[in-house]
Amino acid sequence: MNTDIETTLRAQRWRDPPPAFLERVLGEALKSAVTPVRNSRLRALLSSIPRSLRLPLAACWLLAFFFRIATPQAIPQSTLSSYAKLPPMTPAQLLANRSQIERLANELLHPQHQGPIPPL
């Protein structure tokens, strides 16, 4: 039994599609090639904006989009309330926290924990 699917498919004889099917596919392709209604509405909207304002308006929209994706989400008020209820950290706690972070960083940066350097 031949398990190679490519050889099996190539060995089969394929019939030509009926002409009515080809006509219908061609008709659908020609219909979809016509400018969609949405595109003409967009062009109508853009043509209503004065030409001298299109570029500055596009720049403002782009800048607004950048700030929208680059600005972190606001912290919920409930989280801020919880943070406000915590007692302030003492200098001893801050130093202990800092020394723990430094110890962990030194462990991670130790050559024993690093993998091989890939060739460039």
N, C-alpha and C. Protein backbone atom coordinates (compact mmCIF):
# COMPACT_ATOMS: atom_id res chain seq x y z
N MET A 1 0.84 -1.18 0.00
CA MET A 1 0.00 0.00 0.00
C MET A 1 0.88 1.24 0.00
N ASN A 2 0.58 2.18 -0.90
CA ASN A 2 1.36 3.40 -1.02
C ASN A 2 0.82 4.44 -0.04
N THR A 3 1.66 4.89 0.89
CA THR A 3 1.21 5.86 1.89
C THR A 3 1.60 7.28 1.53
N ASP A 4 2.29 7.48 0.41
CA ASP A 4 2.70 8.82 0.01
C ASP A 4 1.50 9.54 -0.61
N ILE A 5 0.95 10.51 0.08
CA ILE A 5 -0.27 11.20 -0.36
C ILE A 5 -0.04 11.98 -1.65
N GLU A 6 1.15 12.55 -1.81
CA GLU A 6 1.42 13.34 -3.00
C GLU A 6 1.39 12.46 -4.25
N THR A 7 1.99 11.31 -4.17
CA THR A 7 1.98 10.38 -5.31
C THR A 7 0.56 9.92 -5.60
N THR A 8 -0.21 9.64 -4.56
CA THR A 8 -1.59 9.22 -4.73
C THR A 8 -2.42 10.29 -5.42
N LEU A 9 -2.26 11.54 -5.00
CA LEU A 9 -3.03 12.63 -5.60
C LEU A 9 -2.61 12.88 -7.05
N ARG A 10 -1.32 12.79 -7.32
CA ARG A 10 -0.85 13.01 -8.69
C ARG A 10 -1.34 11.90 -9.63
N ALA A 11 -1.53 10.70 -9.11
CA ALA A 11 -1.96 9.57 -9.94
C ALA A 11 -3.44 9.65 -10.28
N GLN A 12 -4.20 10.42 -9.52
CA GLN A 12 -5.64 10.51 -9.79
C GLN A 12 -5.90 11.34 -11.04
N ARG A 13 -6.99 11.06 -11.71
CA ARG A 13 -7.39 11.84 -12.87
C ARG A 13 -8.42 12.86 -12.42
N TRP A 14 -8.17 14.10 -12.71
CA TRP A 14 -9.05 15.19 -12.28
C TRP A 14 -9.92 15.60 -13.45
N ARG A 15 -11.21 15.76 -13.19
CA ARG A 15 -12.14 16.23 -14.22
C ARG A 15 -12.10 17.75 -14.26
N ASP A 16 -12.34 18.29 -15.43
CA ASP A 16 -12.46 19.75 -15.55
C ASP A 16 -13.78 20.18 -14.92
N PRO A 17 -13.79 21.34 -14.27
CA PRO A 17 -15.05 21.80 -13.67
C PRO A 17 -16.06 22.15 -14.77
N PRO A 18 -17.34 22.05 -14.48
CA PRO A 18 -18.35 22.39 -15.48
C PRO A 18 -18.28 23.87 -15.83
N PRO A 19 -18.61 24.26 -17.07
CA PRO A 19 -18.54 25.67 -17.48
C PRO A 19 -19.44 26.57 -16.65
N ALA A 20 -20.59 26.09 -16.19
CA ALA A 20 -21.49 26.93 -15.38
C ALA A 20 -20.80 27.32 -14.08
N PHE A 21 -20.04 26.39 -13.50
CA PHE A 21 -19.31 26.69 -12.27
C PHE A 21 -18.26 27.77 -12.51
N LEU A 22 -17.52 27.64 -13.62
CA LEU A 22 -16.50 28.64 -13.93
C LEU A 22 -17.11 30.01 -14.16
N GLU A 23 -18.28 30.05 -14.85
CA GLU A 23 -18.96 31.33 -15.08
C GLU A 23 -19.39 31.97 -13.76
N ARG A 24 -19.92 31.14 -12.85
CA ARG A 24 -20.38 31.67 -11.56
C ARG A 24 -19.19 32.21 -10.74
N VAL A 25 -18.07 31.47 -10.73
CA VAL A 25 -16.89 31.92 -10.00
C VAL A 25 -16.35 33.21 -10.59
N LEU A 26 -16.32 33.30 -11.92
CA LEU A 26 -15.86 34.53 -12.56
C LEU A 26 -16.77 35.70 -12.22
N GLY A 27 -18.07 35.46 -12.23
CA GLY A 27 -19.02 36.53 -11.88
C GLY A 27 -18.83 37.03 -10.46
N GLU A 28 -18.63 36.10 -9.53
CA GLU A 28 -18.39 36.48 -8.13
C GLU A 28 -17.09 37.27 -7.99
N ALA A 29 -16.07 36.86 -8.71
CA ALA A 29 -14.78 37.56 -8.65
C ALA A 29 -14.92 38.97 -9.20
N LEU A 30 -15.66 39.12 -10.27
CA LEU A 30 -15.84 40.47 -10.84
C LEU A 30 -16.67 41.34 -9.92
N LYS A 31 -17.68 40.74 -9.25
CA LYS A 31 -18.49 41.52 -8.31
C LYS A 31 -17.66 42.01 -7.13
N SER A 32 -16.78 41.13 -6.64
CA SER A 32 -15.98 41.52 -5.48
C SER A 32 -14.88 42.51 -5.87
N ALA A 33 -14.52 42.59 -7.15
CA ALA A 33 -13.49 43.53 -7.58
C ALA A 33 -14.01 44.94 -7.64
N VAL A 34 -15.32 45.12 -7.68
CA VAL A 34 -15.91 46.45 -7.71
C VAL A 34 -15.66 47.12 -6.36
N THR A 35 -15.47 48.43 -6.36
CA THR A 35 -15.19 49.16 -5.13
C THR A 35 -16.29 48.94 -4.11
N PRO A 36 -15.97 48.48 -2.92
CA PRO A 36 -17.00 48.27 -1.91
C PRO A 36 -17.66 49.57 -1.49
N VAL A 37 -18.87 49.44 -0.97
CA VAL A 37 -19.62 50.62 -0.53
C VAL A 37 -18.90 51.32 0.60
N ARG A 38 -18.29 50.55 1.49
CA ARG A 38 -17.59 51.13 2.63
C ARG A 38 -16.46 52.03 2.18
N ASN A 39 -15.73 51.61 1.16
CA ASN A 39 -14.62 52.40 0.66
C ASN A 39 -15.12 53.73 0.10
N SER A 40 -16.25 53.71 -0.61
CA SER A 40 -16.76 54.96 -1.16
C SER A 40 -17.25 55.88 -0.05
N ARG A 41 -17.81 55.30 1.02
CA ARG A 41 -18.23 56.13 2.16
C ARG A 41 -17.01 56.76 2.84
N LEU A 42 -15.95 55.99 2.94
CA LEU A 42 -14.73 56.52 3.55
C LEU A 42 -14.17 57.65 2.71
N ARG A 43 -14.16 57.46 1.39
CA ARG A 43 -13.68 58.52 0.51
C ARG A 43 -14.55 59.77 0.62
N ALA A 44 -15.87 59.58 0.75
CA ALA A 44 -16.77 60.72 0.90
C ALA A 44 -16.49 61.46 2.20
N LEU A 45 -16.22 60.69 3.26
CA LEU A 45 -15.91 61.32 4.55
C LEU A 45 -14.59 62.10 4.46
N LEU A 46 -13.57 61.49 3.86
CA LEU A 46 -12.29 62.18 3.73
C LEU A 46 -12.37 63.40 2.82
N SER A 47 -13.21 63.33 1.78
CA SER A 47 -13.32 64.48 0.89
C SER A 47 -14.05 65.64 1.56
N SER A 48 -14.81 65.36 2.63
CA SER A 48 -15.49 66.44 3.34
C SER A 48 -14.54 67.23 4.22
N ILE A 49 -13.36 66.66 4.53
CA ILE A 49 -12.35 67.36 5.33
C ILE A 49 -11.51 68.22 4.39
N PRO A 50 -11.33 69.50 4.69
CA PRO A 50 -10.50 70.35 3.82
C PRO A 50 -9.10 69.77 3.68
N ARG A 51 -8.54 69.87 2.47
CA ARG A 51 -7.25 69.27 2.17
C ARG A 51 -6.14 69.77 3.09
N SER A 52 -6.20 71.06 3.47
CA SER A 52 -5.14 71.61 4.31
C SER A 52 -5.18 71.05 5.73
N LEU A 53 -6.31 70.47 6.15
CA LEU A 53 -6.42 69.93 7.51
C LEU A 53 -6.20 68.42 7.58
N ARG A 54 -6.14 67.74 6.45
CA ARG A 54 -6.04 66.28 6.47
C ARG A 54 -4.76 65.79 7.12
N LEU A 55 -3.63 66.35 6.75
CA LEU A 55 -2.36 65.89 7.31
C LEU A 55 -2.24 66.20 8.81
N PRO A 56 -2.54 67.42 9.27
CA PRO A 56 -2.47 67.65 10.73
C PRO A 56 -3.47 66.79 11.51
N LEU A 57 -4.64 66.57 10.93
CA LEU A 57 -5.63 65.74 11.61
C LEU A 57 -5.15 64.29 11.69
N ALA A 58 -4.54 63.79 10.63
CA ALA A 58 -4.00 62.43 10.65
C ALA A 58 -2.87 62.33 11.68
N ALA A 59 -2.03 63.37 11.78
CA ALA A 59 -0.95 63.37 12.76
C ALA A 59 -1.52 63.35 14.19
N CYS A 60 -2.57 64.11 14.42
CA CYS A 60 -3.20 64.13 15.75
C CYS A 60 -3.80 62.77 16.08
N TRP A 61 -4.46 62.14 15.11
CA TRP A 61 -5.03 60.82 15.34
C TRP A 61 -3.93 59.80 15.64
N LEU A 62 -2.84 59.89 14.92
CA LEU A 62 -1.73 58.97 15.15
C LEU A 62 -1.11 59.18 16.53
N LEU A 63 -0.96 60.43 16.92
CA LEU A 63 -0.41 60.73 18.24
C LEU A 63 -1.36 60.26 19.34
N ALA A 64 -2.66 60.46 19.15
CA ALA A 64 -3.64 59.99 20.13
C ALA A 64 -3.60 58.47 20.24
N PHE A 65 -3.46 57.78 19.10
CA PHE A 65 -3.37 56.33 19.11
C PHE A 65 -2.11 55.88 19.86
N PHE A 66 -0.99 56.58 19.62
CA PHE A 66 0.26 56.23 20.31
C PHE A 66 0.09 56.37 21.82
N PHE A 67 -0.49 57.49 22.27
CA PHE A 67 -0.66 57.68 23.70
C PHE A 67 -1.64 56.66 24.28
N ARG A 68 -2.63 56.26 23.49
CA ARG A 68 -3.59 55.27 23.96
C ARG A 68 -2.91 53.93 24.22
N ILE A 69 -2.03 53.51 23.31
CA ILE A 69 -1.39 52.20 23.50
C ILE A 69 -0.18 52.27 24.42
N ALA A 70 0.42 53.45 24.59
CA ALA A 70 1.63 53.56 25.40
C ALA A 70 1.35 53.92 26.86
N THR A 71 0.15 54.39 27.16
CA THR A 71 -0.17 54.79 28.52
C THR A 71 -0.65 53.58 29.31
N PRO A 72 -0.05 53.33 30.47
CA PRO A 72 -0.50 52.17 31.26
C PRO A 72 -1.90 52.41 31.81
N GLN A 73 -2.57 51.32 32.13
CA GLN A 73 -3.91 51.41 32.69
C GLN A 73 -3.84 52.05 34.07
N ALA A 74 -4.88 52.79 34.41
CA ALA A 74 -4.94 53.44 35.71
C ALA A 74 -5.08 52.39 36.81
N ILE A 75 -4.50 52.68 37.96
CA ILE A 75 -4.62 51.78 39.10
C ILE A 75 -6.00 51.97 39.71
N PRO A 76 -6.75 50.88 39.92
CA PRO A 76 -8.09 51.02 40.50
C PRO A 76 -8.03 51.65 41.88
N GLN A 77 -9.10 52.36 42.24
CA GLN A 77 -9.15 53.06 43.51
C GLN A 77 -9.07 52.08 44.68
N SER A 78 -9.63 50.89 44.52
CA SER A 78 -9.58 49.91 45.61
C SER A 78 -8.14 49.50 45.91
N THR A 79 -7.31 49.40 44.87
CA THR A 79 -5.91 49.05 45.08
C THR A 79 -5.18 50.19 45.78
N LEU A 80 -5.46 51.41 45.36
CA LEU A 80 -4.84 52.57 46.01
C LEU A 80 -5.25 52.65 47.48
N SER A 81 -6.50 52.33 47.77
CA SER A 81 -6.97 52.35 49.17
C SER A 81 -6.23 51.29 49.98
N SER A 82 -6.02 50.13 49.38
CA SER A 82 -5.30 49.06 50.09
C SER A 82 -3.86 49.46 50.35
N TYR A 83 -3.22 50.10 49.36
CA TYR A 83 -1.85 50.58 49.56
C TYR A 83 -1.79 51.63 50.67
N ALA A 84 -2.82 52.48 50.74
CA ALA A 84 -2.82 53.54 51.75
C ALA A 84 -2.95 52.96 53.16
N LYS A 85 -3.58 51.80 53.29
CA LYS A 85 -3.76 51.19 54.60
C LYS A 85 -2.51 50.48 55.11
N LEU A 86 -1.56 50.20 54.22
CA LEU A 86 -0.34 49.53 54.64
C LEU A 86 0.52 50.46 55.49
N PRO A 87 1.18 49.92 56.49
CA PRO A 87 2.07 50.77 57.28
C PRO A 87 3.30 51.13 56.45
N PRO A 88 3.86 52.30 56.67
CA PRO A 88 5.04 52.68 55.89
C PRO A 88 6.22 51.77 56.24
N MET A 89 7.08 51.55 55.25
CA MET A 89 8.24 50.69 55.46
C MET A 89 9.29 51.44 56.27
N THR A 90 9.89 50.72 57.18
CA THR A 90 10.96 51.30 57.98
C THR A 90 12.27 51.22 57.20
N PRO A 91 13.25 52.04 57.56
CA PRO A 91 14.54 51.95 56.86
C PRO A 91 15.16 50.56 56.96
N ALA A 92 14.97 49.86 58.07
CA ALA A 92 15.52 48.51 58.21
C ALA A 92 14.86 47.56 57.19
N GLN A 93 13.54 47.69 56.97
CA GLN A 93 12.85 46.86 55.99
C GLN A 93 13.34 47.17 54.57
N LEU A 94 13.54 48.46 54.30
CA LEU A 94 14.02 48.85 52.97
C LEU A 94 15.40 48.27 52.69
N LEU A 95 16.30 48.33 53.70
CA LEU A 95 17.64 47.77 53.53
C LEU A 95 17.60 46.26 53.38
N ALA A 96 16.73 45.59 54.13
CA ALA A 96 16.61 44.14 54.03
C ALA A 96 16.09 43.75 52.65
N ASN A 97 15.11 44.51 52.18
CA ASN A 97 14.55 44.24 50.86
C ASN A 97 15.61 44.46 49.79
N ARG A 98 16.39 45.52 49.93
CA ARG A 98 17.44 45.81 48.95
C ARG A 98 18.51 44.73 48.96
N SER A 99 18.90 44.29 50.14
CA SER A 99 19.93 43.25 50.21
C SER A 99 19.42 41.93 49.64
N GLN A 100 18.15 41.62 49.84
CA GLN A 100 17.58 40.40 49.27
C GLN A 100 17.57 40.48 47.73
N ILE A 101 17.21 41.64 47.19
CA ILE A 101 17.19 41.82 45.74
C ILE A 101 18.61 41.70 45.17
N GLU A 102 19.59 42.29 45.85
CA GLU A 102 20.97 42.19 45.39
C GLU A 102 21.47 40.75 45.44
N ARG A 103 21.10 40.01 46.49
CA ARG A 103 21.53 38.62 46.60
C ARG A 103 20.94 37.79 45.47
N LEU A 104 19.66 37.99 45.15
CA LEU A 104 19.02 37.25 44.06
C LEU A 104 19.63 37.61 42.71
N ALA A 105 19.93 38.89 42.52
CA ALA A 105 20.55 39.32 41.27
C ALA A 105 21.93 38.71 41.10
N ASN A 106 22.71 38.67 42.17
CA ASN A 106 24.04 38.06 42.11
C ASN A 106 23.96 36.57 41.81
N GLU A 107 22.96 35.89 42.38
CA GLU A 107 22.79 34.47 42.08
C GLU A 107 22.46 34.25 40.61
N LEU A 108 21.58 35.10 40.08
CA LEU A 108 21.18 34.94 38.68
C LEU A 108 22.31 35.31 37.72
N LEU A 109 23.17 36.24 38.12
CA LEU A 109 24.25 36.67 37.24
C LEU A 109 25.49 35.80 37.37
N HIS A 110 25.46 34.85 38.29
CA HIS A 110 26.60 33.96 38.47
C HIS A 110 26.77 33.12 37.21
N PRO A 111 28.02 32.92 36.76
CA PRO A 111 28.25 32.15 35.52
C PRO A 111 27.67 30.73 35.55
N GLN A 112 27.53 30.19 36.73
CA GLN A 112 26.99 28.84 36.85
C GLN A 112 25.54 28.79 36.34
N HIS A 113 24.79 29.85 36.52
CA HIS A 113 23.38 29.89 36.12
C HIS A 113 23.17 30.38 34.70
N GLN A 114 24.23 30.82 34.04
CA GLN A 114 24.09 31.32 32.69
C GLN A 114 24.38 30.20 31.69
N GLY A 115 23.65 30.21 30.60
CA GLY A 115 23.85 29.21 29.55
C GLY A 115 25.00 29.61 28.65
N PRO A 116 25.26 28.78 27.65
CA PRO A 116 26.34 29.10 26.73
C PRO A 116 26.00 30.33 25.87
N ILE A 117 27.02 31.06 25.50
CA ILE A 117 26.83 32.26 24.67
C ILE A 117 26.73 31.79 23.22
N PRO A 118 25.63 32.13 22.55
CA PRO A 118 25.47 31.66 21.17
C PRO A 118 26.45 32.39 20.25
N PRO A 119 26.91 31.71 19.19
CA PRO A 119 27.85 32.38 18.26
C PRO A 119 27.13 33.45 17.46
N LEU A 120 27.86 34.48 17.08
CA LEU A 120 27.27 35.55 16.29
C LEU A 120 27.35 35.24 14.83
